[in-house]
PDB file of all heavy atoms in Angstrom:
ATOM      1  N   SER A   1      42.492  31.855  70.619  1.00  0.00           N
ATOM      2  CA  SER A   1      41.088  32.074  70.984  1.00  0.00           C
ATOM      3  C   SER A   1      40.409  33.311  70.427  1.00  0.00           C
ATOM      4  O   SER A   1      39.231  33.555  70.356  1.00  0.00           O
ATOM      5  CB  SER A   1      40.920  31.964  72.432  1.00  0.00           C
ATOM      6  OG  SER A   1      41.443  33.077  73.202  1.00  0.00           O
ATOM      7  N   ARG A   2      41.216  34.288  70.160  1.00  0.00           N
ATOM      8  CA  ARG A   2      40.763  35.633  69.614  1.00  0.00           C
ATOM      9  C   ARG A   2      40.473  35.472  68.191  1.00  0.00           C
ATOM     10  O   ARG A   2      39.837  36.492  67.553  1.00  0.00           O
ATOM     11  CB  ARG A   2      41.775  36.714  69.951  1.00  0.00           C
ATOM     12  CG  ARG A   2      42.050  36.826  71.386  1.00  0.00           C
ATOM     13  CD  ARG A   2      43.116  37.815  71.781  1.00  0.00           C
ATOM     14  NE  ARG A   2      42.711  39.136  71.473  1.00  0.00           N
ATOM     15  CZ  ARG A   2      43.501  40.210  71.665  1.00  0.00           C
ATOM     16  NH1 ARG A   2      44.500  40.119  72.343  1.00  0.00           N
ATOM     17  NH2 ARG A   2      43.081  41.480  71.353  1.00  0.00           N
ATOM     18  N   ASP A   3      40.726  34.392  67.426  1.00  0.00           N
ATOM     19  CA  ASP A   3      40.281  34.192  66.053  1.00  0.00           C
ATOM     20  C   ASP A   3      40.916  35.297  65.174  1.00  0.00           C
ATOM     21  O   ASP A   3      40.202  35.876  64.273  1.00  0.00           O
ATOM     22  CB  ASP A   3      38.791  34.091  65.920  1.00  0.00           C
ATOM     23  CG  ASP A   3      38.424  33.483  64.568  1.00  0.00           C
ATOM     24  OD1 ASP A   3      39.181  32.683  64.098  1.00  0.00           O
ATOM     25  OD2 ASP A   3      37.156  33.615  64.182  1.00  0.00           O
ATOM     26  N   GLN A   4      42.204  35.679  65.372  1.00  0.00           N
ATOM     27  CA  GLN A   4      42.780  36.666  64.471  1.00  0.00           C
ATOM     28  C   GLN A   4      44.169  35.976  64.074  1.00  0.00           C
ATOM     29  O   GLN A   4      45.234  36.572  64.396  1.00  0.00           O
ATOM     30  CB  GLN A   4      43.061  38.029  65.166  1.00  0.00           C
ATOM     31  CG  GLN A   4      41.707  38.761  65.553  1.00  0.00           C
ATOM     32  CD  GLN A   4      41.920  40.036  66.329  1.00  0.00           C
ATOM     33  OE1 GLN A   4      42.853  40.732  65.914  1.00  0.00           O
ATOM     34  NE2 GLN A   4      41.400  40.269  67.395  1.00  0.00           N
ATOM     35  N   LEU A   5      44.114  34.938  63.348  1.00  0.00           N
ATOM     36  CA  LEU A   5      45.269  34.131  63.086  1.00  0.00           C
ATOM     37  C   LEU A   5      46.387  34.834  62.281  1.00  0.00           C
ATOM     38  O   LEU A   5      45.972  35.737  61.282  1.00  0.00           O
ATOM     39  CB  LEU A   5      44.948  32.836  62.365  1.00  0.00           C
ATOM     40  CG  LEU A   5      46.115  31.909  62.040  1.00  0.00           C
ATOM     41  CD1 LEU A   5      46.580  31.371  63.260  1.00  0.00           C
ATOM     42  CD2 LEU A   5      45.556  30.706  61.113  1.00  0.00           C
ATOM     43  N   GLY A   6      47.502  34.873  62.711  1.00  0.00           N
ATOM     44  CA  GLY A   6      48.621  35.375  61.956  1.00  0.00           C
ATOM     45  C   GLY A   6      49.732  34.350  61.909  1.00  0.00           C
ATOM     46  O   GLY A   6      49.775  33.416  62.426  1.00  0.00           O
ATOM     47  N   GLU A   7      50.885  34.815  61.136  1.00  0.00           N
ATOM     48  CA  GLU A   7      51.942  33.827  60.766  1.00  0.00           C
ATOM     49  C   GLU A   7      52.658  33.323  62.004  1.00  0.00           C
ATOM     50  O   GLU A   7      53.128  32.233  62.234  1.00  0.00           O
ATOM     51  CB  GLU A   7      52.872  34.479  59.824  1.00  0.00           C
ATOM     52  CG  GLU A   7      53.621  35.749  60.370  1.00  0.00           C
ATOM     53  CD  GLU A   7      54.745  36.107  59.313  1.00  0.00           C
ATOM     54  OE1 GLU A   7      55.676  35.446  59.110  1.00  0.00           O
ATOM     55  OE2 GLU A   7      54.637  37.263  58.786  1.00  0.00           O
ATOM     56  N   PHE A   8      52.892  34.272  63.105  1.00  0.00           N
ATOM     57  CA  PHE A   8      53.622  33.928  64.291  1.00  0.00           C
ATOM     58  C   PHE A   8      52.717  32.929  65.032  1.00  0.00           C
ATOM     59  O   PHE A   8      53.344  32.023  65.739  1.00  0.00           O
ATOM     60  CB  PHE A   8      53.947  35.122  65.162  1.00  0.00           C
ATOM     61  CG  PHE A   8      54.986  36.063  64.448  1.00  0.00           C
ATOM     62  CD1 PHE A   8      54.792  37.298  64.183  1.00  0.00           C
ATOM     63  CD2 PHE A   8      56.203  35.581  63.925  1.00  0.00           C
ATOM     64  CE1 PHE A   8      55.682  38.114  63.519  1.00  0.00           C
ATOM     65  CE2 PHE A   8      57.129  36.168  63.209  1.00  0.00           C
ATOM     66  CZ  PHE A   8      56.800  37.605  63.077  1.00  0.00           C
ATOM     67  N   GLN A   9      51.518  33.163  65.200  1.00  0.00           N
ATOM     68  CA  GLN A   9      50.538  32.049  65.884  1.00  0.00           C
ATOM     69  C   GLN A   9      50.731  30.784  65.196  1.00  0.00           C
ATOM     70  O   GLN A   9      50.752  29.781  65.905  1.00  0.00           O
ATOM     71  CB  GLN A   9      49.204  32.604  65.899  1.00  0.00           C
ATOM     72  CG  GLN A   9      49.029  34.007  66.754  1.00  0.00           C
ATOM     73  CD  GLN A   9      47.597  34.490  66.548  1.00  0.00           C
ATOM     74  OE1 GLN A   9      46.645  34.052  67.139  1.00  0.00           O
ATOM     75  NE2 GLN A   9      47.471  35.663  65.760  1.00  0.00           N
ATOM     76  N   ALA A  10      50.605  30.795  63.843  1.00  0.00           N
ATOM     77  CA  ALA A  10      50.759  29.497  63.053  1.00  0.00           C
ATOM     78  C   ALA A  10      52.048  28.853  63.341  1.00  0.00           C
ATOM     79  O   ALA A  10      52.065  27.633  63.568  1.00  0.00           O
ATOM     80  CB  ALA A  10      50.539  29.823  61.578  1.00  0.00           C
ATOM     81  N   GLN A  11      53.204  29.515  63.355  1.00  0.00           N
ATOM     82  CA  GLN A  11      54.391  28.911  63.613  1.00  0.00           C
ATOM     83  C   GLN A  11      54.449  28.493  64.995  1.00  0.00           C
ATOM     84  O   GLN A  11      54.980  27.380  65.233  1.00  0.00           O
ATOM     85  CB  GLN A  11      55.499  29.969  63.397  1.00  0.00           C
ATOM     86  CG  GLN A  11      55.782  30.313  61.940  1.00  0.00           C
ATOM     87  CD  GLN A  11      57.004  31.174  61.705  1.00  0.00           C
ATOM     88  OE1 GLN A  11      58.116  30.801  62.151  1.00  0.00           O
ATOM     89  NE2 GLN A  11      56.800  32.416  61.254  1.00  0.00           N
ATOM     90  N   ALA A  12      53.894  29.143  65.864  1.00  0.00           N
ATOM     91  CA  ALA A  12      53.904  28.683  67.384  1.00  0.00           C
ATOM     92  C   ALA A  12      53.168  27.509  67.453  1.00  0.00           C
ATOM     93  O   ALA A  12      53.485  26.474  68.290  1.00  0.00           O
ATOM     94  CB  ALA A  12      53.366  29.846  68.193  1.00  0.00           C
ATOM     95  N   ALA A  13      51.985  27.389  66.745  1.00  0.00           N
ATOM     96  CA  ALA A  13      51.113  26.082  66.785  1.00  0.00           C
ATOM     97  C   ALA A  13      51.940  24.952  66.391  1.00  0.00           C
ATOM     98  O   ALA A  13      51.852  23.775  66.938  1.00  0.00           O
ATOM     99  CB  ALA A  13      49.853  26.273  66.002  1.00  0.00           C
ATOM    100  N   ILE A  14      52.744  25.094  65.261  1.00  0.00           N
ATOM    101  CA  ILE A  14      53.603  23.958  64.834  1.00  0.00           C
ATOM    102  C   ILE A  14      54.652  23.660  65.895  1.00  0.00           C
ATOM    103  O   ILE A  14      54.847  22.375  66.169  1.00  0.00           O
ATOM    104  CB  ILE A  14      54.296  24.395  63.466  1.00  0.00           C
ATOM    105  CG1 ILE A  14      53.239  24.537  62.460  1.00  0.00           C
ATOM    106  CG2 ILE A  14      55.380  23.284  63.106  1.00  0.00           C
ATOM    107  CD1 ILE A  14      53.882  25.138  61.164  1.00  0.00           C
ATOM    108  N   ALA A  15      55.306  24.488  66.452  1.00  0.00           N
ATOM    109  CA  ALA A  15      56.331  24.387  67.606  1.00  0.00           C
ATOM    110  C   ALA A  15      55.596  23.703  68.747  1.00  0.00           C
ATOM    111  O   ALA A  15      56.251  22.776  69.462  1.00  0.00           O
ATOM    112  CB  ALA A  15      56.871  25.651  67.974  1.00  0.00           C
ATOM    113  N   ALA A  16      54.348  24.072  68.968  1.00  0.00           N
ATOM    114  CA  ALA A  16      53.656  23.489  70.149  1.00  0.00           C
ATOM    115  C   ALA A  16      53.404  21.891  69.958  1.00  0.00           C
ATOM    116  O   ALA A  16      53.466  21.240  70.867  1.00  0.00           O
ATOM    117  CB  ALA A  16      52.404  24.246  70.469  1.00  0.00           C
ATOM    118  N   LEU A  17      53.015  21.625  68.710  1.00  0.00           N
ATOM    119  CA  LEU A  17      52.773  20.239  68.373  1.00  0.00           C
ATOM    120  C   LEU A  17      54.001  19.382  68.525  1.00  0.00           C
ATOM    121  O   LEU A  17      54.005  18.303  69.013  1.00  0.00           O
ATOM    122  CB  LEU A  17      52.182  19.982  66.900  1.00  0.00           C
ATOM    123  CG  LEU A  17      50.757  20.722  66.769  1.00  0.00           C
ATOM    124  CD1 LEU A  17      50.440  20.779  65.356  1.00  0.00           C
ATOM    125  CD2 LEU A  17      49.843  19.480  67.614  1.00  0.00           C
ATOM    126  N   HIS A  18      55.207  19.919  68.229  1.00  0.00           N
ATOM    127  CA  HIS A  18      56.511  19.169  68.385  1.00  0.00           C
ATOM    128  C   HIS A  18      56.758  19.040  69.865  1.00  0.00           C
ATOM    129  O   HIS A  18      57.231  18.079  70.393  1.00  0.00           O
ATOM    130  CB  HIS A  18      57.640  19.937  67.793  1.00  0.00           C
ATOM    131  CG  HIS A  18      57.693  19.867  66.208  1.00  0.00           C
ATOM    132  ND1 HIS A  18      58.004  18.611  65.640  1.00  0.00           N
ATOM    133  CD2 HIS A  18      57.591  20.705  65.160  1.00  0.00           C
ATOM    134  CE1 HIS A  18      57.874  18.869  64.273  1.00  0.00           C
ATOM    135  NE2 HIS A  18      57.770  20.016  64.051  1.00  0.00           N
ATOM    136  N   ALA A  19      56.447  20.084  70.598  1.00  0.00           N
ATOM    137  CA  ALA A  19      56.755  20.147  72.009  1.00  0.00           C
ATOM    138  C   ALA A  19      55.872  19.266  72.824  1.00  0.00           C
ATOM    139  O   ALA A  19      56.246  18.678  73.826  1.00  0.00           O
ATOM    140  CB  ALA A  19      56.615  21.449  72.593  1.00  0.00           C
ATOM    141  N   ASP A  20      54.571  18.965  72.276  1.00  0.00           N
ATOM    142  CA  ASP A  20      53.592  18.086  72.903  1.00  0.00           C
ATOM    143  C   ASP A  20      53.836  16.636  72.794  1.00  0.00           C
ATOM    144  O   ASP A  20      53.376  15.782  73.490  1.00  0.00           O
ATOM    145  CB  ASP A  20      52.203  18.595  72.354  1.00  0.00           C
ATOM    146  CG  ASP A  20      51.132  17.828  73.153  1.00  0.00           C
ATOM    147  OD1 ASP A  20      51.071  18.038  74.400  1.00  0.00           O
ATOM    148  OD2 ASP A  20      50.313  17.146  72.498  1.00  0.00           O
ATOM    149  N   ALA A  21      54.603  16.304  71.703  1.00  0.00           N
ATOM    150  CA  ALA A  21      54.881  14.839  71.456  1.00  0.00           C
ATOM    151  C   ALA A  21      55.831  14.238  72.458  1.00  0.00           C
ATOM    152  O   ALA A  21      57.063  14.800  72.625  1.00  0.00           O
ATOM    153  CB  ALA A  21      55.381  14.572  70.017  1.00  0.00           C
ATOM    154  N   PRO A  22      55.475  13.179  73.177  1.00  0.00           N
ATOM    155  CA  PRO A  22      56.372  12.563  74.085  1.00  0.00           C
ATOM    156  C   PRO A  22      57.698  11.938  73.457  1.00  0.00           C
ATOM    157  O   PRO A  22      58.690  12.018  73.996  1.00  0.00           O
ATOM    158  CB  PRO A  22      55.580  11.474  74.761  1.00  0.00           C
ATOM    159  CG  PRO A  22      54.192  11.843  74.484  1.00  0.00           C
ATOM    160  CD  PRO A  22      54.155  12.518  73.103  1.00  0.00           C
ATOM    161  N   THR A  23      57.501  11.441  72.185  1.00  0.00           N
ATOM    162  CA  THR A  23      58.664  11.084  71.341  1.00  0.00           C
ATOM    163  C   THR A  23      58.464  11.481  70.041  1.00  0.00           C
ATOM    164  O   THR A  23      57.460  11.931  69.659  1.00  0.00           O
ATOM    165  CB  THR A  23      58.590   9.403  71.399  1.00  0.00           C
ATOM    166  OG1 THR A  23      57.489   9.068  70.647  1.00  0.00           O
ATOM    167  CG2 THR A  23      58.761   8.867  72.748  1.00  0.00           C
ATOM    168  N   ALA A  24      59.514  11.440  69.221  1.00  0.00           N
ATOM    169  CA  ALA A  24      59.531  11.930  67.863  1.00  0.00           C
ATOM    170  C   ALA A  24      58.494  11.016  67.005  1.00  0.00           C
ATOM    171  O   ALA A  24      57.786  11.602  66.210  1.00  0.00           O
ATOM    172  CB  ALA A  24      60.829  11.740  67.130  1.00  0.00           C
ATOM    173  N   ALA A  25      58.384   9.831  67.381  1.00  0.00           N
ATOM    174  CA  ALA A  25      57.503   8.901  66.668  1.00  0.00           C
ATOM    175  C   ALA A  25      55.996   9.266  66.834  1.00  0.00           C
ATOM    176  O   ALA A  25      55.182   8.960  65.979  1.00  0.00           O
ATOM    177  CB  ALA A  25      57.747   7.422  67.009  1.00  0.00           C
ATOM    178  N   GLU A  26      55.792   9.947  68.021  1.00  0.00           N
ATOM    179  CA  GLU A  26      54.342  10.225  68.338  1.00  0.00           C
ATOM    180  C   GLU A  26      53.969  11.642  67.934  1.00  0.00           C
ATOM    181  O   GLU A  26      52.954  12.148  68.220  1.00  0.00           O
ATOM    182  CB  GLU A  26      54.086  10.125  69.881  1.00  0.00           C
ATOM    183  CG  GLU A  26      54.304   8.691  70.398  1.00  0.00           C
ATOM    184  CD  GLU A  26      54.260   8.698  71.877  1.00  0.00           C
ATOM    185  OE1 GLU A  26      53.118   8.599  72.365  1.00  0.00           O
ATOM    186  OE2 GLU A  26      55.385   8.718  72.461  1.00  0.00           O
ATOM    187  N   THR A  27      54.701  12.343  67.008  1.00  0.00           N
ATOM    188  CA  THR A  27      54.539  13.670  66.542  1.00  0.00           C
ATOM    189  C   THR A  27      53.335  13.654  65.588  1.00  0.00           C
ATOM    190  O   THR A  27      53.185  12.757  64.762  1.00  0.00           O
ATOM    191  CB  THR A  27      55.618  14.213  65.890  1.00  0.00           C
ATOM    192  OG1 THR A  27      56.799  14.212  66.644  1.00  0.00           O
ATOM    193  CG2 THR A  27      55.472  15.620  65.310  1.00  0.00           C
ATOM    194  N   ASP A  28      52.274  14.574  65.831  1.00  0.00           N
ATOM    195  CA  ASP A  28      51.174  14.535  64.986  1.00  0.00           C
ATOM    196  C   ASP A  28      51.510  15.318  63.671  1.00  0.00           C
ATOM    197  O   ASP A  28      51.185  16.596  63.580  1.00  0.00           O
ATOM    198  CB  ASP A  28      49.979  15.430  65.741  1.00  0.00           C
ATOM    199  CG  ASP A  28      48.684  15.283  65.013  1.00  0.00           C
ATOM    200  OD1 ASP A  28      48.679  14.778  63.950  1.00  0.00           O
ATOM    201  OD2 ASP A  28      47.707  15.604  65.722  1.00  0.00           O
ATOM    202  N   TRP A  29      52.114  14.557  62.814  1.00  0.00           N
ATOM    203  CA  TRP A  29      52.584  15.213  61.618  1.00  0.00           C
ATOM    204  C   TRP A  29      51.332  15.641  60.635  1.00  0.00           C
ATOM    205  O   TRP A  29      51.452  16.704  59.836  1.00  0.00           O
ATOM    206  CB  TRP A  29      53.451  14.371  60.771  1.00  0.00           C
ATOM    207  CG  TRP A  29      54.777  14.152  61.294  1.00  0.00           C
ATOM    208  CD1 TRP A  29      55.394  13.079  62.041  1.00  0.00           C
ATOM    209  CD2 TRP A  29      55.791  15.094  61.351  1.00  0.00           C
ATOM    210  NE1 TRP A  29      56.509  13.411  62.659  1.00  0.00           N
ATOM    211  CE2 TRP A  29      56.952  14.573  62.088  1.00  0.00           C
ATOM    212  CE3 TRP A  29      55.884  16.433  60.842  1.00  0.00           C
ATOM    213  CZ2 TRP A  29      58.167  15.282  62.262  1.00  0.00           C
ATOM    214  CZ3 TRP A  29      57.172  17.172  60.939  1.00  0.00           C
ATOM    215  CH2 TRP A  29      58.157  16.634  61.664  1.00  0.00           C
ATOM    216  N   VAL A  30      50.309  14.980  60.710  1.00  0.00           N
ATOM    217  CA  VAL A  30      49.118  15.302  59.907  1.00  0.00           C
ATOM    218  C   VAL A  30      48.620  16.797  60.299  1.00  0.00           C
ATOM    219  O   VAL A  30      48.359  17.622  59.432  1.00  0.00           O
ATOM    220  CB  VAL A  30      47.937  14.293  60.069  1.00  0.00           C
ATOM    221  CG1 VAL A  30      46.655  14.811  59.375  1.00  0.00           C
ATOM    222  CG2 VAL A  30      48.427  12.991  59.538  1.00  0.00           C
ATOM    223  N   GLN A  31      48.451  16.932  61.657  1.00  0.00           N
ATOM    224  CA  GLN A  31      48.024  18.199  62.005  1.00  0.00           C
ATOM    225  C   GLN A  31      49.173  19.438  61.742  1.00  0.00           C
ATOM    226  O   GLN A  31      48.868  20.527  61.479  1.00  0.00           O
ATOM    227  CB  GLN A  31      47.813  18.224  63.498  1.00  0.00           C
ATOM    228  CG  GLN A  31      47.047  19.560  63.927  1.00  0.00           C
ATOM    229  CD  GLN A  31      46.516  19.416  65.444  1.00  0.00           C
ATOM    230  OE1 GLN A  31      46.005  20.391  65.952  1.00  0.00           O
ATOM    231  NE2 GLN A  31      46.705  18.337  65.992  1.00  0.00           N
ATOM    232  N   ILE A  32      50.469  19.007  61.848  1.00  0.00           N
ATOM    233  CA  ILE A  32      51.384  19.922  61.396  1.00  0.00           C
ATOM    234  C   ILE A  32      51.357  20.413  60.003  1.00  0.00           C
ATOM    235  O   ILE A  32      51.613  21.585  59.643  1.00  0.00           O
ATOM    236  CB  ILE A  32      52.840  19.229  61.860  1.00  0.00           C
ATOM    237  CG1 ILE A  32      53.178  19.290  63.309  1.00  0.00           C
ATOM    238  CG2 ILE A  32      53.957  20.124  61.110  1.00  0.00           C
ATOM    239  CD1 ILE A  32      54.347  18.584  63.805  1.00  0.00           C
ATOM    240  N   VAL A  33      51.026  19.342  59.183  1.00  0.00           N
ATOM    241  CA  VAL A  33      50.898  19.678  57.769  1.00  0.00           C
ATOM    242  C   VAL A  33      49.736  20.754  57.532  1.00  0.00           C
ATOM    243  O   VAL A  33      49.895  21.728  56.728  1.00  0.00           O
ATOM    244  CB  VAL A  33      50.565  18.463  56.892  1.00  0.00           C
ATOM    245  CG1 VAL A  33      50.183  18.812  55.463  1.00  0.00           C
ATOM    246  CG2 VAL A  33      51.839  17.516  56.834  1.00  0.00           C
ATOM    247  N   GLU A  34      48.732  20.502  58.313  1.00  0.00           N
ATOM    248  CA  GLU A  34      47.602  21.398  58.250  1.00  0.00           C
ATOM    249  C   GLU A  34      48.014  22.878  58.570  1.00  0.00           C
ATOM    250  O   GLU A  34      47.499  23.926  58.046  1.00  0.00           O
ATOM    251  CB  GLU A  34      46.410  20.796  58.995  1.00  0.00           C
ATOM    252  CG  GLU A  34      45.843  19.659  58.554  1.00  0.00           C
ATOM    253  CD  GLU A  34      44.723  19.056  59.524  1.00  0.00           C
ATOM    254  OE1 GLU A  34      44.443  19.582  60.644  1.00  0.00           O
ATOM    255  OE2 GLU A  34      44.147  17.981  59.098  1.00  0.00           O
ATOM    256  N   TRP A  35      48.734  22.899  59.741  1.00  0.00           N
ATOM    257  CA  TRP A  35      49.258  24.258  60.115  1.00  0.00           C
ATOM    258  C   TRP A  35      50.173  24.900  59.064  1.00  0.00           C
ATOM    259  O   TRP A  35      50.078  26.089  58.858  1.00  0.00           O
ATOM    260  CB  TRP A  35      49.873  24.093  61.461  1.00  0.00           C
ATOM    261  CG  TRP A  35      48.865  24.276  62.575  1.00  0.00           C
ATOM    262  CD1 TRP A  35      48.548  23.297  63.468  1.00  0.00           C
ATOM    263  CD2 TRP A  35      48.083  25.318  63.024  1.00  0.00           C
ATOM    264  NE1 TRP A  35      47.588  23.633  64.356  1.00  0.00           N
ATOM    265  CE2 TRP A  35      47.289  25.042  64.025  1.00  0.00           C
ATOM    266  CE3 TRP A  35      48.019  26.678  62.466  1.00  0.00           C
ATOM    267  CZ2 TRP A  35      46.413  25.839  64.738  1.00  0.00           C
ATOM    268  CZ3 TRP A  35      47.083  27.570  63.152  1.00  0.00           C
ATOM    269  CH2 TRP A  35      46.368  27.217  64.356  1.00  0.00           C
ATOM    270  N   TYR A  36      50.844  24.091  58.481  1.00  0.00           N
ATOM    271  CA  TYR A  36      51.755  24.591  57.370  1.00  0.00           C
ATOM    272  C   TYR A  36      50.998  25.121  56.108  1.00  0.00           C
ATOM    273  O   TYR A  36      51.384  26.069  55.575  1.00  0.00           O
ATOM    274  CB  TYR A  36      52.783  23.452  56.840  1.00  0.00           C
ATOM    275  CG  TYR A  36      54.112  23.619  57.646  1.00  0.00           C
ATOM    276  CD1 TYR A  36      54.583  22.413  58.335  1.00  0.00           C
ATOM    277  CD2 TYR A  36      54.976  24.693  57.665  1.00  0.00           C
ATOM    278  CE1 TYR A  36      55.755  22.495  59.005  1.00  0.00           C
ATOM    279  CE2 TYR A  36      56.106  24.695  58.360  1.00  0.00           C
ATOM    280  CZ  TYR A  36      56.560  23.595  59.098  1.00  0.00           C
ATOM    281  OH  TYR A  36      57.777  23.634  59.707  1.00  0.00           O
ATOM    282  N   ASP A  37      49.890  24.436  55.885  1.00  0.00           N
ATOM    283  CA  ASP A  37      49.003  24.938  54.870  1.00  0.00           C
ATOM    284  C   ASP A  37      48.352  26.330  55.286  1.00  0.00           C
ATOM    285  O   ASP A  37      48.293  27.170  54.396  1.00  0.00           O
ATOM    286  CB  ASP A  37      47.809  23.971  54.689  1.00  0.00           C
ATOM    287  CG  ASP A  37      48.339  22.620  53.976  1.00  0.00           C
ATOM    288  OD1 ASP A  37      49.342  22.564  53.256  1.00  0.00           O
ATOM    289  OD2 ASP A  37      47.542  21.613  54.046  1.00  0.00           O
ATOM    290  N   GLU A  38      48.081  26.513  56.498  1.00  0.00           N
ATOM    291  CA  GLU A  38      47.581  27.871  57.021  1.00  0.00           C
ATOM    292  C   GLU A  38      48.671  28.880  56.802  1.00  0.00           C
ATOM    293  O   GLU A  38      48.546  29.868  56.421  1.00  0.00           O
ATOM    294  CB  GLU A  38      47.088  27.581  58.490  1.00  0.00           C
ATOM    295  CG  GLU A  38      45.884  26.957  58.611  1.00  0.00           C
ATOM    296  CD  GLU A  38      44.665  27.861  58.215  1.00  0.00           C
ATOM    297  OE1 GLU A  38      44.663  29.064  58.011  1.00  0.00           O
ATOM    298  OE2 GLU A  38      43.514  27.232  58.055  1.00  0.00           O
TER     299      GLU A  38
END
């Protein structure tokens, strides 16, 4: 929310998307790719 994105925040966002998925099949891979781009 502080809008000062850094590499650890981006990595944490990817980890959070994995953690948020109830199953592996429900993982939001499209958003994960976007975070990898960042």
